[in-house]
Every structure is written in C-alpha cells, then in structure tokens.
Amino acid sequence: MADFSWERQSPLDKALVAGVHGVDGQTGVTLTEIRSILLVQVMARRGKTAETAKAARKLFGVEPPAAPGAAFGNGATLIWSGPDQFLVFAPYGDGSQFGRITEAFAGIASLSDQSDGRSLLRISGSCATQAMAKFTSLDLHDDVFAVNAAATTSVDHTAVNIWRDADSTEGLPVYNLAVFTSFADSLYRMIADSSLEYGLRAASIEAA
C-alpha cells in the first residue's frame, strides 16, 4: 500500500530548479512560485451583491472590483473573477483568515476554498512583458493592462487568472498567474522556456 501524507506539497517540486538559467550574466525575467497561499472564491448570492461588497469593505478595507481588476486591501488582494464574484488572495498564515472570511460572508455569499487547488506564479523583471507576450494574447501595454488590471484567460489551453501587482521597487511590472495545480508543472515549464533568452531567475518563496 502506498504511503500517504497530508503535508502540503508543491506541484513544482520537480520542475522548479532555483537559480539563474539561460543567458549568462542576465536576469531579464524573475519567475517565482508563491507558496502557502490562501485563495478563496467568493460568489455573492442572488440579491446579495451589495451586502457582499459591504462585508468585503468591512473585512479588507476595500470593495471587490465590479469589473475585471484587482483591489489591494488590508492583508489581502481581491481579484475579479466574474460577475458578482471575486477571489481573495492572502498569505495562508495559521489558517485563521479563512474562518474570518467565512464569518464575514455567512448567509450572503458562497465560498470555495481554492488554496490547495491553485498554484501562484509571479513574473517580474525588465523583460517580463516580452516573455509573457509569447504565451498570452492579452495586451499588456501599460495603457491597457496597468497596475490593478486583471483578466481571466486561457494560456496554453489552461484557464488562468492574471492580475498585475504594484510595480517592483525598480519600477518594473509584476504579474501574478493563478492556475489549477494539475496544470502548474506544464505552465511553469512553458513560461520558463519563454524566458530563457532574456536570462531567467527561478525561485520559490512563502507568501507574505
């Protein structure tokens, strides 16, 4: 009988090789797996959209986006994922945040905990946009996909939630991609291959 463990394990344990790859002396793209995430789908129940938005504002300090976009709140980011629904992204921490979310939206929204079902990849660097242009049809120009922009799209026949985070301290764009864990390995390899010509730095970190 095969051994079984309830310990959380990354689907990229084999695919992600930390370090610099591709062009020597260059790191135009940094590709980072963000581990230990909390990702909760919140879907307002019929006639409860306004109450759901009010509850989100009370808990996170911001209302969820009513159209494709992201809102940065207190300890969490709210990402539009469809009409009257959004994702809550935050560090997993000790897990108590999910209890607070459950209490805040009780009776007004349906919740689906996606924390162990999704992987989060973060792409940044001076050539991040060029690398992403190889595998997504989204227009990533600053005038179109600015900070706080978000989209639900298909990448390599895989459903992906993409949102743009605040720029890095160097003023460079930062993109987040949330994908189902079963597709994380193949998506990671494709992004890595797309980034090698610019010099790729790969890493994994804990959400903070």
N, C-alpha and C. Protein backbone atom coordinates (compact mmCIF):
# COMPACT_ATOMS: atom_id res chain seq x y z
N MET A 1 0.86 -1.20 0.00
CA MET A 1 0.00 0.00 0.00
C MET A 1 0.89 1.25 0.00
N ALA A 2 0.57 2.19 -0.86
CA ALA A 2 1.39 3.40 -1.00
C ALA A 2 1.26 4.27 0.25
N ASP A 3 2.38 4.91 0.62
CA ASP A 3 2.35 5.85 1.74
C ASP A 3 1.55 7.08 1.35
N PHE A 4 0.91 7.68 2.32
CA PHE A 4 0.10 8.88 2.06
C PHE A 4 0.41 9.91 3.12
N SER A 5 0.46 11.14 2.71
CA SER A 5 0.76 12.22 3.66
C SER A 5 -0.19 13.38 3.44
N TRP A 6 -0.61 14.00 4.56
CA TRP A 6 -1.47 15.18 4.48
C TRP A 6 -0.64 16.46 4.43
N GLU A 7 0.67 16.35 4.39
CA GLU A 7 1.50 17.54 4.34
C GLU A 7 1.32 18.25 3.01
N ARG A 8 1.30 19.58 3.06
CA ARG A 8 1.15 20.39 1.85
C ARG A 8 2.42 20.24 1.01
N GLN A 9 2.24 20.02 -0.28
CA GLN A 9 3.37 19.79 -1.16
C GLN A 9 3.17 20.57 -2.46
N SER A 10 4.22 21.20 -2.93
CA SER A 10 4.13 21.99 -4.16
C SER A 10 4.15 21.08 -5.38
N PRO A 11 3.29 21.36 -6.39
CA PRO A 11 3.34 20.58 -7.63
C PRO A 11 4.56 20.92 -8.48
N LEU A 12 5.34 21.92 -8.05
CA LEU A 12 6.53 22.32 -8.81
C LEU A 12 7.83 21.85 -8.16
N ASP A 13 7.73 20.92 -7.23
CA ASP A 13 8.92 20.44 -6.54
C ASP A 13 9.97 19.90 -7.51
N LYS A 14 9.53 19.28 -8.59
CA LYS A 14 10.47 18.72 -9.56
C LYS A 14 10.79 19.70 -10.68
N ALA A 15 9.83 20.47 -11.11
CA ALA A 15 10.02 21.36 -12.27
C ALA A 15 10.86 22.57 -11.95
N LEU A 16 10.67 23.15 -10.77
CA LEU A 16 11.35 24.40 -10.45
C LEU A 16 12.75 24.12 -9.91
N VAL A 17 13.74 24.58 -10.66
CA VAL A 17 15.14 24.47 -10.24
C VAL A 17 15.61 25.89 -9.94
N ALA A 18 15.76 26.18 -8.66
CA ALA A 18 16.13 27.54 -8.26
C ALA A 18 17.50 27.93 -8.82
N GLY A 19 17.60 29.22 -9.19
CA GLY A 19 18.87 29.71 -9.70
C GLY A 19 18.66 30.48 -10.98
N VAL A 20 19.79 30.82 -11.64
CA VAL A 20 19.76 31.59 -12.88
C VAL A 20 19.99 30.65 -14.05
N HIS A 21 19.15 30.80 -15.09
CA HIS A 21 19.21 29.92 -16.25
C HIS A 21 19.19 30.77 -17.53
N GLY A 22 19.69 30.19 -18.61
CA GLY A 22 19.65 30.88 -19.90
C GLY A 22 20.90 31.69 -20.15
N VAL A 23 20.73 32.96 -20.47
CA VAL A 23 21.83 33.82 -20.85
C VAL A 23 22.70 34.13 -19.64
N ASP A 24 23.99 33.91 -19.77
CA ASP A 24 24.92 34.19 -18.67
C ASP A 24 24.95 35.68 -18.35
N GLY A 25 24.90 35.98 -17.06
CA GLY A 25 25.04 37.37 -16.64
C GLY A 25 23.81 38.22 -16.81
N GLN A 26 22.70 37.64 -17.25
CA GLN A 26 21.47 38.42 -17.43
C GLN A 26 20.32 37.76 -16.68
N THR A 27 19.47 38.59 -16.11
CA THR A 27 18.25 38.10 -15.47
C THR A 27 17.12 39.06 -15.83
N GLY A 28 16.67 38.95 -17.06
CA GLY A 28 15.59 39.82 -17.53
C GLY A 28 14.23 39.44 -16.99
N VAL A 29 14.10 38.17 -16.53
CA VAL A 29 12.82 37.69 -16.01
C VAL A 29 13.08 36.96 -14.69
N THR A 30 12.28 37.28 -13.70
CA THR A 30 12.28 36.53 -12.44
C THR A 30 10.95 35.81 -12.33
N LEU A 31 11.00 34.49 -12.22
CA LEU A 31 9.80 33.65 -12.13
C LEU A 31 9.79 33.00 -10.76
N THR A 32 8.78 33.35 -9.96
CA THR A 32 8.75 32.94 -8.57
C THR A 32 7.45 32.20 -8.25
N GLU A 33 7.58 31.04 -7.64
CA GLU A 33 6.41 30.35 -7.12
C GLU A 33 6.13 30.89 -5.73
N ILE A 34 4.89 31.32 -5.50
CA ILE A 34 4.48 31.82 -4.19
C ILE A 34 3.76 30.69 -3.47
N ARG A 35 4.35 30.20 -2.39
CA ARG A 35 3.80 29.07 -1.67
C ARG A 35 3.02 29.52 -0.43
N SER A 36 2.28 28.60 0.13
CA SER A 36 1.49 28.84 1.35
C SER A 36 0.52 30.01 1.15
N ILE A 37 -0.31 29.88 0.11
CA ILE A 37 -1.27 30.94 -0.19
C ILE A 37 -2.66 30.56 0.31
N LEU A 38 -3.45 31.59 0.57
CA LEU A 38 -4.88 31.43 0.82
C LEU A 38 -5.58 32.01 -0.40
N LEU A 39 -6.41 31.22 -1.05
CA LEU A 39 -7.14 31.67 -2.23
C LEU A 39 -8.57 31.19 -2.12
N VAL A 40 -9.48 32.12 -1.94
CA VAL A 40 -10.88 31.79 -1.70
C VAL A 40 -11.77 32.46 -2.75
N GLN A 41 -12.60 31.66 -3.39
CA GLN A 41 -13.58 32.18 -4.35
C GLN A 41 -14.82 32.62 -3.57
N VAL A 42 -15.23 33.87 -3.75
CA VAL A 42 -16.41 34.41 -3.09
C VAL A 42 -17.45 34.73 -4.16
N MET A 43 -18.63 34.14 -4.05
CA MET A 43 -19.71 34.32 -5.03
C MET A 43 -20.95 34.86 -4.33
N ALA A 44 -21.30 36.09 -4.63
CA ALA A 44 -22.48 36.70 -4.00
C ALA A 44 -23.73 35.91 -4.36
N ARG A 45 -24.58 35.68 -3.37
CA ARG A 45 -25.83 35.00 -3.64
C ARG A 45 -26.82 35.97 -4.28
N ARG A 46 -27.86 35.42 -4.84
CA ARG A 46 -28.83 36.23 -5.59
C ARG A 46 -29.38 37.35 -4.71
N GLY A 47 -29.28 38.57 -5.21
CA GLY A 47 -29.78 39.72 -4.48
C GLY A 47 -28.89 40.19 -3.34
N LYS A 48 -27.69 39.60 -3.20
CA LYS A 48 -26.81 39.93 -2.07
C LYS A 48 -25.50 40.59 -2.52
N THR A 49 -25.47 41.11 -3.73
CA THR A 49 -24.23 41.70 -4.25
C THR A 49 -23.78 42.89 -3.41
N ALA A 50 -24.71 43.78 -3.09
CA ALA A 50 -24.36 44.98 -2.32
C ALA A 50 -23.90 44.59 -0.91
N GLU A 51 -24.58 43.63 -0.30
CA GLU A 51 -24.20 43.20 1.05
C GLU A 51 -22.82 42.52 1.04
N THR A 52 -22.53 41.78 -0.03
CA THR A 52 -21.22 41.12 -0.15
C THR A 52 -20.12 42.16 -0.27
N ALA A 53 -20.37 43.20 -1.08
CA ALA A 53 -19.38 44.26 -1.23
C ALA A 53 -19.16 45.00 0.09
N LYS A 54 -20.24 45.21 0.83
CA LYS A 54 -20.13 45.90 2.13
C LYS A 54 -19.33 45.05 3.12
N ALA A 55 -19.57 43.75 3.11
CA ALA A 55 -18.85 42.86 4.02
C ALA A 55 -17.36 42.82 3.67
N ALA A 56 -17.06 42.84 2.38
CA ALA A 56 -15.66 42.86 1.94
C ALA A 56 -14.97 44.15 2.39
N ARG A 57 -15.67 45.26 2.24
CA ARG A 57 -15.09 46.55 2.65
C ARG A 57 -14.83 46.58 4.15
N LYS A 58 -15.72 45.99 4.94
CA LYS A 58 -15.54 45.95 6.38
C LYS A 58 -14.35 45.07 6.77
N LEU A 59 -14.18 43.94 6.07
CA LEU A 59 -13.13 43.00 6.43
C LEU A 59 -11.76 43.39 5.87
N PHE A 60 -11.75 43.90 4.63
CA PHE A 60 -10.47 44.15 3.94
C PHE A 60 -10.16 45.63 3.72
N GLY A 61 -11.15 46.49 3.98
CA GLY A 61 -10.91 47.92 3.77
C GLY A 61 -11.12 48.39 2.34
N VAL A 62 -11.47 47.48 1.43
CA VAL A 62 -11.75 47.84 0.04
C VAL A 62 -12.93 47.00 -0.45
N GLU A 63 -13.62 47.52 -1.45
CA GLU A 63 -14.68 46.75 -2.08
C GLU A 63 -14.10 45.91 -3.20
N PRO A 64 -14.70 44.77 -3.48
CA PRO A 64 -14.23 43.95 -4.60
C PRO A 64 -14.49 44.65 -5.92
N PRO A 65 -13.63 44.47 -6.91
CA PRO A 65 -13.85 45.10 -8.21
C PRO A 65 -15.16 44.64 -8.84
N ALA A 66 -15.88 45.57 -9.45
CA ALA A 66 -17.14 45.23 -10.12
C ALA A 66 -16.90 44.86 -11.58
N ALA A 67 -15.67 45.03 -12.05
CA ALA A 67 -15.27 44.70 -13.41
C ALA A 67 -13.86 44.13 -13.32
N PRO A 68 -13.35 43.55 -14.41
CA PRO A 68 -12.01 42.96 -14.35
C PRO A 68 -10.98 43.90 -13.74
N GLY A 69 -10.38 43.48 -12.65
CA GLY A 69 -9.40 44.31 -11.95
C GLY A 69 -9.07 43.68 -10.62
N ALA A 70 -8.15 44.31 -9.90
CA ALA A 70 -7.75 43.85 -8.57
C ALA A 70 -7.77 45.02 -7.61
N ALA A 71 -8.10 44.76 -6.37
CA ALA A 71 -8.12 45.79 -5.33
C ALA A 71 -7.25 45.32 -4.17
N PHE A 72 -6.30 46.15 -3.78
CA PHE A 72 -5.37 45.80 -2.70
C PHE A 72 -5.93 46.28 -1.37
N GLY A 73 -6.26 45.33 -0.50
CA GLY A 73 -6.86 45.68 0.78
C GLY A 73 -5.94 45.38 1.95
N ASN A 74 -6.51 45.35 3.14
CA ASN A 74 -5.75 45.09 4.36
C ASN A 74 -5.42 43.60 4.45
N GLY A 75 -4.19 43.25 4.11
CA GLY A 75 -3.75 41.88 4.22
C GLY A 75 -4.24 40.94 3.15
N ALA A 76 -4.91 41.47 2.11
CA ALA A 76 -5.44 40.61 1.06
C ALA A 76 -5.62 41.40 -0.23
N THR A 77 -5.62 40.67 -1.34
CA THR A 77 -5.93 41.26 -2.64
C THR A 77 -7.21 40.62 -3.13
N LEU A 78 -8.14 41.44 -3.62
CA LEU A 78 -9.41 40.95 -4.16
C LEU A 78 -9.33 41.03 -5.68
N ILE A 79 -9.54 39.90 -6.36
CA ILE A 79 -9.39 39.83 -7.81
C ILE A 79 -10.71 39.45 -8.46
N TRP A 80 -11.19 40.28 -9.36
CA TRP A 80 -12.43 39.98 -10.09
C TRP A 80 -12.28 38.66 -10.82
N SER A 81 -13.29 37.80 -10.74
CA SER A 81 -13.24 36.52 -11.44
C SER A 81 -14.52 36.22 -12.19
N GLY A 82 -15.42 37.17 -12.24
CA GLY A 82 -16.68 37.01 -12.95
C GLY A 82 -17.74 37.91 -12.33
N PRO A 83 -18.90 38.04 -12.97
CA PRO A 83 -19.97 38.88 -12.42
C PRO A 83 -20.34 38.47 -11.00
N ASP A 84 -20.29 39.41 -10.08
CA ASP A 84 -20.68 39.19 -8.68
C ASP A 84 -19.84 38.14 -7.98
N GLN A 85 -18.59 37.97 -8.42
CA GLN A 85 -17.70 37.04 -7.74
C GLN A 85 -16.25 37.51 -7.83
N PHE A 86 -15.47 37.10 -6.86
CA PHE A 86 -14.07 37.52 -6.82
C PHE A 86 -13.26 36.52 -6.02
N LEU A 87 -11.94 36.59 -6.21
CA LEU A 87 -11.01 35.77 -5.45
C LEU A 87 -10.39 36.61 -4.34
N VAL A 88 -10.19 36.01 -3.20
CA VAL A 88 -9.45 36.63 -2.10
C VAL A 88 -8.09 35.95 -2.04
N PHE A 89 -7.02 36.71 -2.27
CA PHE A 89 -5.67 36.17 -2.19
C PHE A 89 -4.97 36.77 -0.98
N ALA A 90 -4.36 35.90 -0.16
CA ALA A 90 -3.64 36.35 1.04
C ALA A 90 -2.65 35.26 1.44
N PRO A 91 -1.68 35.60 2.28
CA PRO A 91 -0.82 34.55 2.85
C PRO A 91 -1.67 33.59 3.68
N TYR A 92 -1.34 32.30 3.64
CA TYR A 92 -2.11 31.32 4.39
C TYR A 92 -1.96 31.52 5.89
N GLY A 93 -0.75 31.85 6.32
CA GLY A 93 -0.52 32.08 7.74
C GLY A 93 -0.88 30.86 8.57
N ASP A 94 -1.60 31.10 9.65
CA ASP A 94 -2.00 29.99 10.53
C ASP A 94 -3.36 29.42 10.15
N GLY A 95 -3.92 29.89 9.04
CA GLY A 95 -5.21 29.38 8.56
C GLY A 95 -6.42 30.06 9.16
N SER A 96 -6.22 30.97 10.11
CA SER A 96 -7.35 31.60 10.78
C SER A 96 -8.09 32.59 9.88
N GLN A 97 -7.41 33.07 8.84
CA GLN A 97 -8.03 34.04 7.94
C GLN A 97 -9.28 33.46 7.29
N PHE A 98 -9.25 32.17 6.95
CA PHE A 98 -10.42 31.57 6.30
C PHE A 98 -11.63 31.59 7.23
N GLY A 99 -11.41 31.39 8.51
CA GLY A 99 -12.50 31.47 9.47
C GLY A 99 -13.12 32.85 9.50
N ARG A 100 -12.29 33.89 9.45
CA ARG A 100 -12.81 35.26 9.44
C ARG A 100 -13.59 35.54 8.17
N ILE A 101 -13.12 35.00 7.03
CA ILE A 101 -13.82 35.19 5.77
C ILE A 101 -15.17 34.48 5.82
N THR A 102 -15.17 33.27 6.33
CA THR A 102 -16.42 32.51 6.44
C THR A 102 -17.45 33.25 7.29
N GLU A 103 -17.00 33.80 8.39
CA GLU A 103 -17.91 34.54 9.27
C GLU A 103 -18.43 35.82 8.61
N ALA A 104 -17.55 36.53 7.89
CA ALA A 104 -17.93 37.81 7.29
C ALA A 104 -18.98 37.65 6.20
N PHE A 105 -18.92 36.53 5.45
CA PHE A 105 -19.83 36.36 4.31
C PHE A 105 -20.94 35.35 4.57
N ALA A 106 -21.11 34.95 5.82
CA ALA A 106 -22.14 33.97 6.16
C ALA A 106 -23.52 34.46 5.73
N GLY A 107 -24.23 33.64 4.96
CA GLY A 107 -25.60 33.95 4.56
C GLY A 107 -25.74 34.87 3.36
N ILE A 108 -24.64 35.47 2.91
CA ILE A 108 -24.75 36.40 1.78
C ILE A 108 -23.91 35.99 0.57
N ALA A 109 -22.95 35.09 0.77
CA ALA A 109 -22.10 34.65 -0.34
C ALA A 109 -21.70 33.20 -0.14
N SER A 110 -21.47 32.51 -1.24
CA SER A 110 -20.97 31.14 -1.20
C SER A 110 -19.46 31.17 -1.37
N LEU A 111 -18.76 30.34 -0.61
CA LEU A 111 -17.31 30.34 -0.62
C LEU A 111 -16.77 29.01 -1.13
N SER A 112 -15.64 29.08 -1.84
CA SER A 112 -14.95 27.88 -2.28
C SER A 112 -13.46 28.07 -2.01
N ASP A 113 -12.92 27.27 -1.11
CA ASP A 113 -11.51 27.38 -0.76
C ASP A 113 -10.67 26.74 -1.85
N GLN A 114 -9.89 27.56 -2.56
CA GLN A 114 -9.06 27.10 -3.66
C GLN A 114 -7.58 27.02 -3.28
N SER A 115 -7.27 27.16 -2.00
CA SER A 115 -5.88 27.30 -1.56
C SER A 115 -5.00 26.14 -1.99
N ASP A 116 -5.48 24.91 -1.87
CA ASP A 116 -4.69 23.75 -2.25
C ASP A 116 -4.95 23.31 -3.68
N GLY A 117 -5.87 23.99 -4.36
CA GLY A 117 -6.20 23.62 -5.73
C GLY A 117 -5.57 24.51 -6.77
N ARG A 118 -4.92 25.58 -6.34
CA ARG A 118 -4.29 26.51 -7.27
C ARG A 118 -2.83 26.71 -6.90
N SER A 119 -2.04 27.01 -7.93
CA SER A 119 -0.66 27.43 -7.74
C SER A 119 -0.53 28.87 -8.20
N LEU A 120 0.36 29.61 -7.57
CA LEU A 120 0.54 31.01 -7.93
C LEU A 120 1.97 31.24 -8.39
N LEU A 121 2.10 31.77 -9.61
CA LEU A 121 3.39 32.13 -10.18
C LEU A 121 3.45 33.64 -10.34
N ARG A 122 4.57 34.22 -9.98
CA ARG A 122 4.76 35.67 -10.10
C ARG A 122 5.90 35.93 -11.09
N ILE A 123 5.63 36.78 -12.08
CA ILE A 123 6.61 37.09 -13.12
C ILE A 123 6.94 38.57 -13.05
N SER A 124 8.21 38.88 -12.99
CA SER A 124 8.64 40.27 -12.93
C SER A 124 9.97 40.40 -13.67
N GLY A 125 10.44 41.65 -13.78
CA GLY A 125 11.72 41.88 -14.43
C GLY A 125 11.61 42.76 -15.65
N SER A 126 12.74 43.19 -16.16
CA SER A 126 12.77 44.14 -17.28
C SER A 126 12.22 43.54 -18.57
N CYS A 127 12.24 42.21 -18.69
CA CYS A 127 11.75 41.55 -19.91
C CYS A 127 10.51 40.69 -19.64
N ALA A 128 9.87 40.90 -18.49
CA ALA A 128 8.70 40.08 -18.14
C ALA A 128 7.59 40.21 -19.17
N THR A 129 7.32 41.44 -19.61
CA THR A 129 6.24 41.66 -20.57
C THR A 129 6.54 40.98 -21.90
N GLN A 130 7.80 41.05 -22.36
CA GLN A 130 8.16 40.40 -23.61
C GLN A 130 8.00 38.89 -23.52
N ALA A 131 8.39 38.32 -22.38
CA ALA A 131 8.24 36.88 -22.20
C ALA A 131 6.77 36.49 -22.20
N MET A 132 5.94 37.26 -21.50
CA MET A 132 4.52 36.93 -21.42
C MET A 132 3.82 37.06 -22.76
N ALA A 133 4.32 37.96 -23.62
CA ALA A 133 3.71 38.15 -24.93
C ALA A 133 3.80 36.89 -25.79
N LYS A 134 4.70 35.98 -25.42
CA LYS A 134 4.85 34.74 -26.18
C LYS A 134 3.73 33.74 -25.90
N PHE A 135 3.08 33.85 -24.74
CA PHE A 135 2.11 32.81 -24.40
C PHE A 135 0.74 33.33 -24.01
N THR A 136 0.53 34.63 -24.05
CA THR A 136 -0.81 35.16 -23.78
C THR A 136 -1.20 36.17 -24.84
N SER A 137 -2.48 36.19 -25.17
CA SER A 137 -2.98 37.13 -26.17
C SER A 137 -3.39 38.46 -25.56
N LEU A 138 -3.24 38.62 -24.25
CA LEU A 138 -3.61 39.87 -23.60
C LEU A 138 -2.69 41.00 -24.05
N ASP A 139 -3.25 42.19 -24.19
CA ASP A 139 -2.45 43.38 -24.47
C ASP A 139 -1.91 43.88 -23.14
N LEU A 140 -0.61 43.74 -22.93
CA LEU A 140 -0.01 44.07 -21.65
C LEU A 140 0.62 45.46 -21.61
N HIS A 141 0.31 46.28 -22.59
CA HIS A 141 0.83 47.65 -22.59
C HIS A 141 0.34 48.38 -21.33
N ASP A 142 1.19 49.25 -20.80
CA ASP A 142 0.85 49.97 -19.57
C ASP A 142 -0.47 50.73 -19.66
N ASP A 143 -0.80 51.22 -20.85
CA ASP A 143 -2.04 51.98 -21.02
C ASP A 143 -3.28 51.09 -21.00
N VAL A 144 -3.08 49.79 -21.19
CA VAL A 144 -4.20 48.85 -21.28
C VAL A 144 -4.27 47.96 -20.05
N PHE A 145 -3.12 47.39 -19.67
CA PHE A 145 -3.07 46.47 -18.54
C PHE A 145 -2.17 47.08 -17.47
N ALA A 146 -2.69 48.08 -16.81
CA ALA A 146 -1.93 48.82 -15.81
C ALA A 146 -1.97 48.11 -14.46
N VAL A 147 -1.30 48.67 -13.47
CA VAL A 147 -1.39 48.15 -12.10
C VAL A 147 -2.86 48.07 -11.70
N ASN A 148 -3.26 46.97 -11.08
CA ASN A 148 -4.64 46.67 -10.67
C ASN A 148 -5.46 46.00 -11.77
N ALA A 149 -4.92 45.88 -12.97
CA ALA A 149 -5.67 45.20 -14.04
C ALA A 149 -5.70 43.70 -13.76
N ALA A 150 -6.76 43.05 -14.22
CA ALA A 150 -6.90 41.61 -14.04
C ALA A 150 -7.68 41.02 -15.20
N ALA A 151 -7.46 39.74 -15.46
CA ALA A 151 -8.18 39.06 -16.53
C ALA A 151 -8.25 37.58 -16.23
N THR A 152 -9.32 36.95 -16.67
CA THR A 152 -9.43 35.51 -16.67
C THR A 152 -9.31 35.07 -18.11
N THR A 153 -8.29 34.29 -18.41
CA THR A 153 -7.99 33.99 -19.79
C THR A 153 -7.49 32.55 -19.92
N SER A 154 -7.09 32.18 -21.13
CA SER A 154 -6.55 30.85 -21.39
C SER A 154 -5.10 30.98 -21.81
N VAL A 155 -4.24 30.20 -21.19
CA VAL A 155 -2.83 30.15 -21.54
C VAL A 155 -2.48 28.70 -21.82
N ASP A 156 -2.07 28.42 -23.05
CA ASP A 156 -1.75 27.05 -23.44
C ASP A 156 -2.90 26.10 -23.12
N HIS A 157 -4.12 26.54 -23.47
CA HIS A 157 -5.35 25.76 -23.26
C HIS A 157 -5.66 25.54 -21.78
N THR A 158 -5.11 26.38 -20.93
CA THR A 158 -5.31 26.26 -19.49
C THR A 158 -5.92 27.54 -18.94
N ALA A 159 -6.98 27.43 -18.13
CA ALA A 159 -7.60 28.62 -17.53
C ALA A 159 -6.66 29.23 -16.50
N VAL A 160 -6.44 30.53 -16.61
CA VAL A 160 -5.52 31.24 -15.73
C VAL A 160 -6.13 32.57 -15.31
N ASN A 161 -6.01 32.90 -14.03
CA ASN A 161 -6.33 34.24 -13.54
C ASN A 161 -5.04 35.05 -13.50
N ILE A 162 -5.01 36.18 -14.20
CA ILE A 162 -3.83 37.03 -14.24
C ILE A 162 -4.18 38.39 -13.68
N TRP A 163 -3.35 38.89 -12.79
CA TRP A 163 -3.53 40.27 -12.35
C TRP A 163 -2.17 40.93 -12.17
N ARG A 164 -2.16 42.25 -12.37
CA ARG A 164 -0.91 43.00 -12.26
C ARG A 164 -0.80 43.61 -10.87
N ASP A 165 0.28 43.31 -10.22
CA ASP A 165 0.55 43.80 -8.87
C ASP A 165 1.19 45.18 -8.95
N ALA A 166 1.45 45.78 -7.81
CA ALA A 166 2.20 47.03 -7.78
C ALA A 166 3.58 46.80 -8.38
N ASP A 167 4.11 47.80 -9.07
CA ASP A 167 5.43 47.66 -9.68
C ASP A 167 6.49 47.40 -8.62
N SER A 168 7.59 46.78 -9.05
CA SER A 168 8.69 46.49 -8.13
C SER A 168 9.36 47.78 -7.70
N THR A 169 10.27 47.68 -6.76
CA THR A 169 10.99 48.87 -6.28
C THR A 169 11.82 49.50 -7.39
N GLU A 170 12.12 48.72 -8.44
CA GLU A 170 12.85 49.27 -9.59
C GLU A 170 11.92 49.86 -10.62
N GLY A 171 10.62 49.84 -10.34
CA GLY A 171 9.65 50.39 -11.28
C GLY A 171 9.28 49.44 -12.40
N LEU A 172 9.52 48.15 -12.22
CA LEU A 172 9.25 47.16 -13.26
C LEU A 172 7.93 46.45 -12.99
N PRO A 173 7.24 45.99 -14.04
CA PRO A 173 5.94 45.36 -13.86
C PRO A 173 6.03 44.02 -13.13
N VAL A 174 4.98 43.69 -12.40
CA VAL A 174 4.88 42.43 -11.67
C VAL A 174 3.53 41.82 -11.99
N TYR A 175 3.54 40.60 -12.51
CA TYR A 175 2.31 39.90 -12.88
C TYR A 175 2.15 38.64 -12.04
N ASN A 176 0.91 38.34 -11.67
CA ASN A 176 0.58 37.12 -10.93
C ASN A 176 -0.29 36.23 -11.80
N LEU A 177 0.00 34.94 -11.80
CA LEU A 177 -0.79 33.97 -12.54
C LEU A 177 -1.23 32.85 -11.60
N ALA A 178 -2.53 32.68 -11.43
CA ALA A 178 -3.07 31.59 -10.61
C ALA A 178 -3.63 30.52 -11.54
N VAL A 179 -3.16 29.29 -11.34
CA VAL A 179 -3.54 28.19 -12.23
C VAL A 179 -3.86 26.96 -11.38
N PHE A 180 -4.71 26.08 -11.89
CA PHE A 180 -5.00 24.84 -11.19
C PHE A 180 -3.70 24.04 -11.01
N THR A 181 -3.54 23.44 -9.84
CA THR A 181 -2.28 22.76 -9.53
C THR A 181 -1.94 21.66 -10.53
N SER A 182 -2.96 21.01 -11.09
CA SER A 182 -2.69 19.91 -12.03
C SER A 182 -2.03 20.40 -13.32
N PHE A 183 -2.14 21.71 -13.60
CA PHE A 183 -1.52 22.27 -14.80
C PHE A 183 -0.28 23.09 -14.47
N ALA A 184 0.06 23.21 -13.20
CA ALA A 184 1.14 24.11 -12.80
C ALA A 184 2.49 23.70 -13.38
N ASP A 185 2.78 22.42 -13.40
CA ASP A 185 4.06 21.94 -13.90
C ASP A 185 4.25 22.33 -15.36
N SER A 186 3.28 22.01 -16.22
CA SER A 186 3.42 22.30 -17.65
C SER A 186 3.44 23.80 -17.91
N LEU A 187 2.64 24.57 -17.15
CA LEU A 187 2.63 26.02 -17.35
C LEU A 187 3.96 26.63 -16.93
N TYR A 188 4.49 26.15 -15.81
CA TYR A 188 5.77 26.66 -15.35
C TYR A 188 6.86 26.41 -16.40
N ARG A 189 6.92 25.21 -16.93
CA ARG A 189 7.95 24.88 -17.91
C ARG A 189 7.82 25.74 -19.17
N MET A 190 6.57 26.00 -19.60
CA MET A 190 6.37 26.83 -20.78
C MET A 190 6.84 28.26 -20.53
N ILE A 191 6.49 28.81 -19.36
CA ILE A 191 6.91 30.18 -19.03
C ILE A 191 8.43 30.24 -18.92
N ALA A 192 9.02 29.25 -18.29
CA ALA A 192 10.48 29.22 -18.15
C ALA A 192 11.15 29.18 -19.52
N ASP A 193 10.65 28.34 -20.42
CA ASP A 193 11.22 28.25 -21.76
C ASP A 193 11.09 29.58 -22.51
N SER A 194 9.98 30.27 -22.28
CA SER A 194 9.75 31.56 -22.93
C SER A 194 10.68 32.65 -22.41
N SER A 195 11.26 32.41 -21.24
CA SER A 195 12.05 33.45 -20.57
C SER A 195 13.56 33.24 -20.70
N LEU A 196 13.98 32.07 -21.17
CA LEU A 196 15.40 31.74 -21.16
C LEU A 196 16.25 32.72 -21.98
N GLU A 197 15.73 33.20 -23.09
CA GLU A 197 16.54 34.08 -23.94
C GLU A 197 16.83 35.42 -23.27
N TYR A 198 16.06 35.76 -22.23
CA TYR A 198 16.27 37.02 -21.52
C TYR A 198 17.11 36.83 -20.25
N GLY A 199 17.37 35.58 -19.91
CA GLY A 199 18.01 35.27 -18.64
C GLY A 199 16.93 35.11 -17.58
N LEU A 200 16.84 33.93 -16.99
CA LEU A 200 15.76 33.61 -16.05
C LEU A 200 16.29 33.34 -14.67
N ARG A 201 15.69 33.98 -13.69
CA ARG A 201 15.96 33.65 -12.30
C ARG A 201 14.71 32.97 -11.73
N ALA A 202 14.87 31.74 -11.29
CA ALA A 202 13.75 30.97 -10.75
C ALA A 202 13.89 30.83 -9.25
N ALA A 203 12.76 30.91 -8.56
CA ALA A 203 12.80 30.81 -7.09
C ALA A 203 11.42 30.43 -6.59
N SER A 204 11.37 30.03 -5.34
CA SER A 204 10.10 29.83 -4.65
C SER A 204 10.20 30.48 -3.28
N ILE A 205 9.14 31.16 -2.87
CA ILE A 205 9.12 31.83 -1.58
C ILE A 205 7.76 31.59 -0.90
N GLU A 206 7.72 31.82 0.38
CA GLU A 206 6.48 31.75 1.13
C GLU A 206 5.71 33.06 0.98
N ALA A 207 4.41 32.98 0.85
CA ALA A 207 3.60 34.19 0.76
C ALA A 207 3.76 35.03 2.02
N ALA A 208 3.82 36.33 1.83
CA ALA A 208 3.99 37.24 2.97
C ALA A 208 3.17 38.50 2.74
